Amino acid sequence: MTEWRKGEPKIWRWRIRARSSDGQMVTLGKYGTEAEARADHDRIIKDKSYRNVSLEPLTTA
């Protein structure tokens, strides 16, 4: 097994989704903490590159 696969998998708790200029829903990022997600969410809204930007909690499978 390669070195980078020996660690524990990252658990994502939040994601940012938005509608791109061509109308597709895209995931812009996944985050471990709400603070990280909120910071990027605010930046994306300020940039006005995407529409319908939402910050969503992820549920565990």
PDB file of N, CA and C in Angstrom:
ATOM      1  N   MET A   1       0.843  -1.166   0.000  1.00  0.00           N
ATOM      2  CA  MET A   1       0.000   0.000   0.000  1.00  0.00           C
ATOM      3  C   MET A   1       0.900   1.245   0.000  1.00  0.00           C
ATOM      4  N   THR A   2       0.484   2.266  -0.705  1.00  0.00           N
ATOM      5  CA  THR A   2       1.294   3.483  -0.773  1.00  0.00           C
ATOM      6  C   THR A   2       1.231   4.249   0.542  1.00  0.00           C
ATOM      7  N   GLU A   3       2.225   5.109   0.760  1.00  0.00           N
ATOM      8  CA  GLU A   3       2.331   5.860   2.011  1.00  0.00           C
ATOM      9  C   GLU A   3       1.115   6.732   2.295  1.00  0.00           C
ATOM     10  N   TRP A   4       0.593   7.420   1.283  1.00  0.00           N
ATOM     11  CA  TRP A   4      -0.487   8.362   1.523  1.00  0.00           C
ATOM     12  C   TRP A   4      -1.803   7.683   1.875  1.00  0.00           C
ATOM     13  N   ARG A   5      -1.931   6.398   1.672  1.00  0.00           N
ATOM     14  CA  ARG A   5      -3.167   5.682   1.998  1.00  0.00           C
ATOM     15  C   ARG A   5      -3.159   5.070   3.390  1.00  0.00           C
ATOM     16  N   LYS A   6      -2.086   5.229   4.136  1.00  0.00           N
ATOM     17  CA  LYS A   6      -2.002   4.594   5.444  1.00  0.00           C
ATOM     18  C   LYS A   6      -2.754   5.350   6.530  1.00  0.00           C
ATOM     19  N   GLY A   7      -3.025   6.622   6.334  1.00  0.00           N
ATOM     20  CA  GLY A   7      -3.718   7.421   7.340  1.00  0.00           C
ATOM     21  C   GLY A   7      -5.215   7.170   7.337  1.00  0.00           C
ATOM     22  N   GLU A   8      -5.875   7.729   8.335  1.00  0.00           N
ATOM     23  CA  GLU A   8      -7.323   7.628   8.414  1.00  0.00           C
ATOM     24  C   GLU A   8      -7.964   8.471   7.315  1.00  0.00           C
ATOM     25  N   PRO A   9      -9.102   8.039   6.796  1.00  0.00           N
ATOM     26  CA  PRO A   9      -9.769   8.841   5.763  1.00  0.00           C
ATOM     27  C   PRO A   9     -10.326  10.128   6.365  1.00  0.00           C
ATOM     28  N   LYS A  10     -10.351  11.186   5.561  1.00  0.00           N
ATOM     29  CA  LYS A  10     -10.866  12.479   5.996  1.00  0.00           C
ATOM     30  C   LYS A  10     -12.384  12.396   6.071  1.00  0.00           C
ATOM     31  N   ILE A  11     -12.948  12.915   7.139  1.00  0.00           N
ATOM     32  CA  ILE A  11     -14.401  12.935   7.293  1.00  0.00           C
ATOM     33  C   ILE A  11     -14.892  14.341   6.992  1.00  0.00           C
ATOM     34  N   TRP A  12     -15.692  14.456   5.955  1.00  0.00           N
ATOM     35  CA  TRP A  12     -16.240  15.746   5.552  1.00  0.00           C
ATOM     36  C   TRP A  12     -17.560  15.974   6.262  1.00  0.00           C
ATOM     37  N   ARG A  13     -17.734  17.122   6.862  1.00  0.00           N
ATOM     38  CA  ARG A  13     -18.950  17.453   7.603  1.00  0.00           C
ATOM     39  C   ARG A  13     -19.811  18.498   6.891  1.00  0.00           C
ATOM     40  N   TRP A  14     -19.202  19.300   5.998  1.00  0.00           N
ATOM     41  CA  TRP A  14     -19.905  20.392   5.317  1.00  0.00           C
ATOM     42  C   TRP A  14     -19.506  20.434   3.851  1.00  0.00           C
ATOM     43  N   ARG A  15     -20.404  20.955   3.016  1.00  0.00           N
ATOM     44  CA  ARG A  15     -20.063  21.181   1.618  1.00  0.00           C
ATOM     45  C   ARG A  15     -20.740  22.457   1.135  1.00  0.00           C
ATOM     46  N   ILE A  16     -20.135  23.033   0.087  1.00  0.00           N
ATOM     47  CA  ILE A  16     -20.697  24.209  -0.554  1.00  0.00           C
ATOM     48  C   ILE A  16     -21.113  23.794  -1.953  1.00  0.00           C
ATOM     49  N   ARG A  17     -22.374  24.068  -2.286  1.00  0.00           N
ATOM     50  CA  ARG A  17     -22.895  23.773  -3.618  1.00  0.00           C
ATOM     51  C   ARG A  17     -23.442  25.057  -4.211  1.00  0.00           C
ATOM     52  N   ALA A  18     -23.424  25.133  -5.545  1.00  0.00           N
ATOM     53  CA  ALA A  18     -23.919  26.324  -6.224  1.00  0.00           C
ATOM     54  C   ALA A  18     -24.274  25.976  -7.661  1.00  0.00           C
ATOM     55  N   ARG A  19     -24.928  26.929  -8.312  1.00  0.00           N
ATOM     56  CA  ARG A  19     -25.270  26.779  -9.725  1.00  0.00           C
ATOM     57  C   ARG A  19     -24.263  27.592 -10.533  1.00  0.00           C
ATOM     58  N   SER A  20     -23.640  26.941 -11.507  1.00  0.00           N
ATOM     59  CA  SER A  20     -22.627  27.605 -12.340  1.00  0.00           C
ATOM     60  C   SER A  20     -23.309  28.443 -13.421  1.00  0.00           C
ATOM     61  N   SER A  21     -22.520  29.187 -14.171  1.00  0.00           N
ATOM     62  CA  SER A  21     -23.072  30.069 -15.207  1.00  0.00           C
ATOM     63  C   SER A  21     -23.767  29.297 -16.325  1.00  0.00           C
ATOM     64  N   ASP A  22     -23.402  28.019 -16.516  1.00  0.00           N
ATOM     65  CA  ASP A  22     -24.074  27.212 -17.542  1.00  0.00           C
ATOM     66  C   ASP A  22     -25.258  26.422 -16.991  1.00  0.00           C
ATOM     67  N   GLY A  23     -25.628  26.673 -15.729  1.00  0.00           N
ATOM     68  CA  GLY A  23     -26.838  26.081 -15.155  1.00  0.00           C
ATOM     69  C   GLY A  23     -26.652  24.772 -14.412  1.00  0.00           C
ATOM     70  N   GLN A  24     -25.449  24.264 -14.318  1.00  0.00           N
ATOM     71  CA  GLN A  24     -25.226  22.993 -13.631  1.00  0.00           C
ATOM     72  C   GLN A  24     -24.992  23.220 -12.145  1.00  0.00           C
ATOM     73  N   MET A  25     -25.490  22.297 -11.314  1.00  0.00           N
ATOM     74  CA  MET A  25     -25.204  22.323  -9.878  1.00  0.00           C
ATOM     75  C   MET A  25     -23.830  21.696  -9.679  1.00  0.00           C
ATOM     76  N   VAL A  26     -22.971  22.404  -8.962  1.00  0.00           N
ATOM     77  CA  VAL A  26     -21.615  21.921  -8.732  1.00  0.00           C
ATOM     78  C   VAL A  26     -21.285  21.980  -7.248  1.00  0.00           C
ATOM     79  N   THR A  27     -20.439  21.062  -6.799  1.00  0.00           N
ATOM     80  CA  THR A  27     -19.915  21.111  -5.445  1.00  0.00           C
ATOM     81  C   THR A  27     -18.602  21.867  -5.510  1.00  0.00           C
ATOM     82  N   LEU A  28     -18.521  22.958  -4.749  1.00  0.00           N
ATOM     83  CA  LEU A  28     -17.340  23.815  -4.797  1.00  0.00           C
ATOM     84  C   LEU A  28     -16.302  23.430  -3.757  1.00  0.00           C
ATOM     85  N   GLY A  29     -16.697  22.676  -2.749  1.00  0.00           N
ATOM     86  CA  GLY A  29     -15.738  22.255  -1.751  1.00  0.00           C
ATOM     87  C   GLY A  29     -16.383  21.440  -0.656  1.00  0.00           C
ATOM     88  N   LYS A  30     -15.566  20.648   0.031  1.00  0.00           N
ATOM     89  CA  LYS A  30     -15.986  19.872   1.197  1.00  0.00           C
ATOM     90  C   LYS A  30     -15.055  20.239   2.334  1.00  0.00           C
ATOM     91  N   TYR A  31     -15.612  20.320   3.544  1.00  0.00           N
ATOM     92  CA  TYR A  31     -14.873  20.861   4.679  1.00  0.00           C
ATOM     93  C   TYR A  31     -15.109  20.022   5.930  1.00  0.00           C
ATOM     94  N   GLY A  32     -14.124  20.041   6.794  1.00  0.00           N
ATOM     95  CA  GLY A  32     -14.216  19.320   8.054  1.00  0.00           C
ATOM     96  C   GLY A  32     -14.917  20.107   9.142  1.00  0.00           C
ATOM     97  N   THR A  33     -14.821  21.433   9.084  1.00  0.00           N
ATOM     98  CA  THR A  33     -15.447  22.265  10.123  1.00  0.00           C
ATOM     99  C   THR A  33     -16.353  23.315   9.485  1.00  0.00           C
ATOM    100  N   GLU A  34     -17.318  23.749  10.262  1.00  0.00           N
ATOM    101  CA  GLU A  34     -18.244  24.767   9.775  1.00  0.00           C
ATOM    102  C   GLU A  34     -17.525  26.102   9.557  1.00  0.00           C
ATOM    103  N   ALA A  35     -16.543  26.409  10.391  1.00  0.00           N
ATOM    104  CA  ALA A  35     -15.819  27.672  10.260  1.00  0.00           C
ATOM    105  C   ALA A  35     -15.092  27.761   8.916  1.00  0.00           C
ATOM    106  N   GLU A  36     -14.444  26.672   8.497  1.00  0.00           N
ATOM    107  CA  GLU A  36     -13.763  26.642   7.198  1.00  0.00           C
ATOM    108  C   GLU A  36     -14.772  26.830   6.064  1.00  0.00           C
ATOM    109  N   ALA A  37     -15.872  26.106   6.167  1.00  0.00           N
ATOM    110  CA  ALA A  37     -16.901  26.172   5.135  1.00  0.00           C
ATOM    111  C   ALA A  37     -17.525  27.559   5.074  1.00  0.00           C
ATOM    112  N   ARG A  38     -17.814  28.145   6.220  1.00  0.00           N
ATOM    113  CA  ARG A  38     -18.441  29.472   6.268  1.00  0.00           C
ATOM    114  C   ARG A  38     -17.519  30.536   5.647  1.00  0.00           C
ATOM    115  N   ALA A  39     -16.223  30.439   5.896  1.00  0.00           N
ATOM    116  CA  ALA A  39     -15.268  31.399   5.335  1.00  0.00           C
ATOM    117  C   ALA A  39     -15.273  31.337   3.806  1.00  0.00           C
ATOM    118  N   ASP A  40     -15.214  30.133   3.238  1.00  0.00           N
ATOM    119  CA  ASP A  40     -15.242  29.995   1.776  1.00  0.00           C
ATOM    120  C   ASP A  40     -16.601  30.390   1.212  1.00  0.00           C
ATOM    121  N   HIS A  41     -17.671  30.030   1.911  1.00  0.00           N
ATOM    122  CA  HIS A  41     -19.029  30.386   1.488  1.00  0.00           C
ATOM    123  C   HIS A  41     -19.159  31.896   1.343  1.00  0.00           C
ATOM    124  N   ASP A  42     -18.705  32.634   2.333  1.00  0.00           N
ATOM    125  CA  ASP A  42     -18.782  34.097   2.305  1.00  0.00           C
ATOM    126  C   ASP A  42     -17.939  34.676   1.175  1.00  0.00           C
ATOM    127  N   ARG A  43     -16.766  34.089   0.947  1.00  0.00           N
ATOM    128  CA  ARG A  43     -15.900  34.554  -0.135  1.00  0.00           C
ATOM    129  C   ARG A  43     -16.536  34.308  -1.504  1.00  0.00           C
ATOM    130  N   ILE A  44     -17.148  33.151  -1.692  1.00  0.00           N
ATOM    131  CA  ILE A  44     -17.779  32.810  -2.970  1.00  0.00           C
ATOM    132  C   ILE A  44     -18.953  33.741  -3.252  1.00  0.00           C
ATOM    133  N   ILE A  45     -19.743  34.033  -2.236  1.00  0.00           N
ATOM    134  CA  ILE A  45     -20.863  34.954  -2.417  1.00  0.00           C
ATOM    135  C   ILE A  45     -20.351  36.352  -2.769  1.00  0.00           C
ATOM    136  N   LYS A  46     -19.276  36.778  -2.119  1.00  0.00           N
ATOM    137  CA  LYS A  46     -18.702  38.093  -2.381  1.00  0.00           C
ATOM    138  C   LYS A  46     -18.168  38.193  -3.818  1.00  0.00           C
ATOM    139  N   ASP A  47     -17.566  37.094  -4.331  1.00  0.00           N
ATOM    140  CA  ASP A  47     -17.025  37.070  -5.694  1.00  0.00           C
ATOM    141  C   ASP A  47     -18.119  37.113  -6.766  1.00  0.00           C
ATOM    142  N   LYS A  48     -19.317  36.654  -6.437  1.00  0.00           N
ATOM    143  CA  LYS A  48     -20.474  36.630  -7.360  1.00  0.00           C
ATOM    144  C   LYS A  48     -20.210  35.810  -8.619  1.00  0.00           C
ATOM    145  N   SER A  49     -19.421  34.734  -8.501  1.00  0.00           N
ATOM    146  CA  SER A  49     -19.160  33.881  -9.655  1.00  0.00           C
ATOM    147  C   SER A  49     -20.209  32.791  -9.839  1.00  0.00           C
ATOM    148  N   TYR A  50     -20.941  32.485  -8.776  1.00  0.00           N
ATOM    149  CA  TYR A  50     -21.946  31.424  -8.807  1.00  0.00           C
ATOM    150  C   TYR A  50     -23.269  31.954  -8.267  1.00  0.00           C
ATOM    151  N   ARG A  51     -24.349  31.272  -8.660  1.00  0.00           N
ATOM    152  CA  ARG A  51     -25.675  31.616  -8.164  1.00  0.00           C
ATOM    153  C   ARG A  51     -26.161  30.514  -7.221  1.00  0.00           C
ATOM    154  N   ASN A  52     -27.116  30.848  -6.374  1.00  0.00           N
ATOM    155  CA  ASN A  52     -27.743  29.888  -5.454  1.00  0.00           C
ATOM    156  C   ASN A  52     -26.703  29.141  -4.616  1.00  0.00           C
ATOM    157  N   VAL A  53     -25.776  29.859  -4.044  1.00  0.00           N
ATOM    158  CA  VAL A  53     -24.718  29.251  -3.229  1.00  0.00           C
ATOM    159  C   VAL A  53     -25.322  28.798  -1.906  1.00  0.00           C
ATOM    160  N   SER A  54     -25.078  27.542  -1.546  1.00  0.00           N
ATOM    161  CA  SER A  54     -25.617  27.022  -0.290  1.00  0.00           C
ATOM    162  C   SER A  54     -24.536  26.274   0.497  1.00  0.00           C
ATOM    163  N   LEU A  55     -24.640  26.391   1.791  1.00  0.00           N
ATOM    164  CA  LEU A  55     -23.763  25.685   2.718  1.00  0.00           C
ATOM    165  C   LEU A  55     -24.590  24.563   3.326  1.00  0.00           C
ATOM    166  N   GLU A  56     -24.168  23.319   3.125  1.00  0.00           N
ATOM    167  CA  GLU A  56     -24.977  22.164   3.515  1.00  0.00           C
ATOM    168  C   GLU A  56     -24.199  21.254   4.466  1.00  0.00           C
ATOM    169  N   PRO A  57     -24.836  20.852   5.579  1.00  0.00           N
ATOM    170  CA  PRO A  57     -24.192  19.838   6.423  1.00  0.00           C
ATOM    171  C   PRO A  57     -24.311  18.473   5.748  1.00  0.00           C
ATOM    172  N   LEU A  58     -23.299  17.656   5.883  1.00  0.00           N
ATOM    173  CA  LEU A  58     -23.323  16.314   5.318  1.00  0.00           C
ATOM    174  C   LEU A  58     -23.687  15.329   6.411  1.00  0.00           C
ATOM    175  N   THR A  59     -24.533  14.382   6.078  1.00  0.00           N
ATOM    176  CA  THR A  59     -24.891  13.345   7.044  1.00  0.00           C
ATOM    177  C   THR A  59     -23.991  12.143   6.833  1.00  0.00           C
ATOM    178  N   THR A  60     -23.745  11.412   7.891  1.00  0.00           N
ATOM    179  CA  THR A  60     -22.922  10.211   7.780  1.00  0.00           C
ATOM    180  C   THR A  60     -23.723   9.070   7.202  1.00  0.00           C
ATOM    181  N   ALA A  61     -23.058   8.217   6.468  1.00  0.00           N
ATOM    182  CA  ALA A  61     -23.745   7.101   5.810  1.00  0.00           C
ATOM    183  C   ALA A  61     -24.090   6.020   6.817  1.00  0.00           C
TER     184      ALA A  61
END
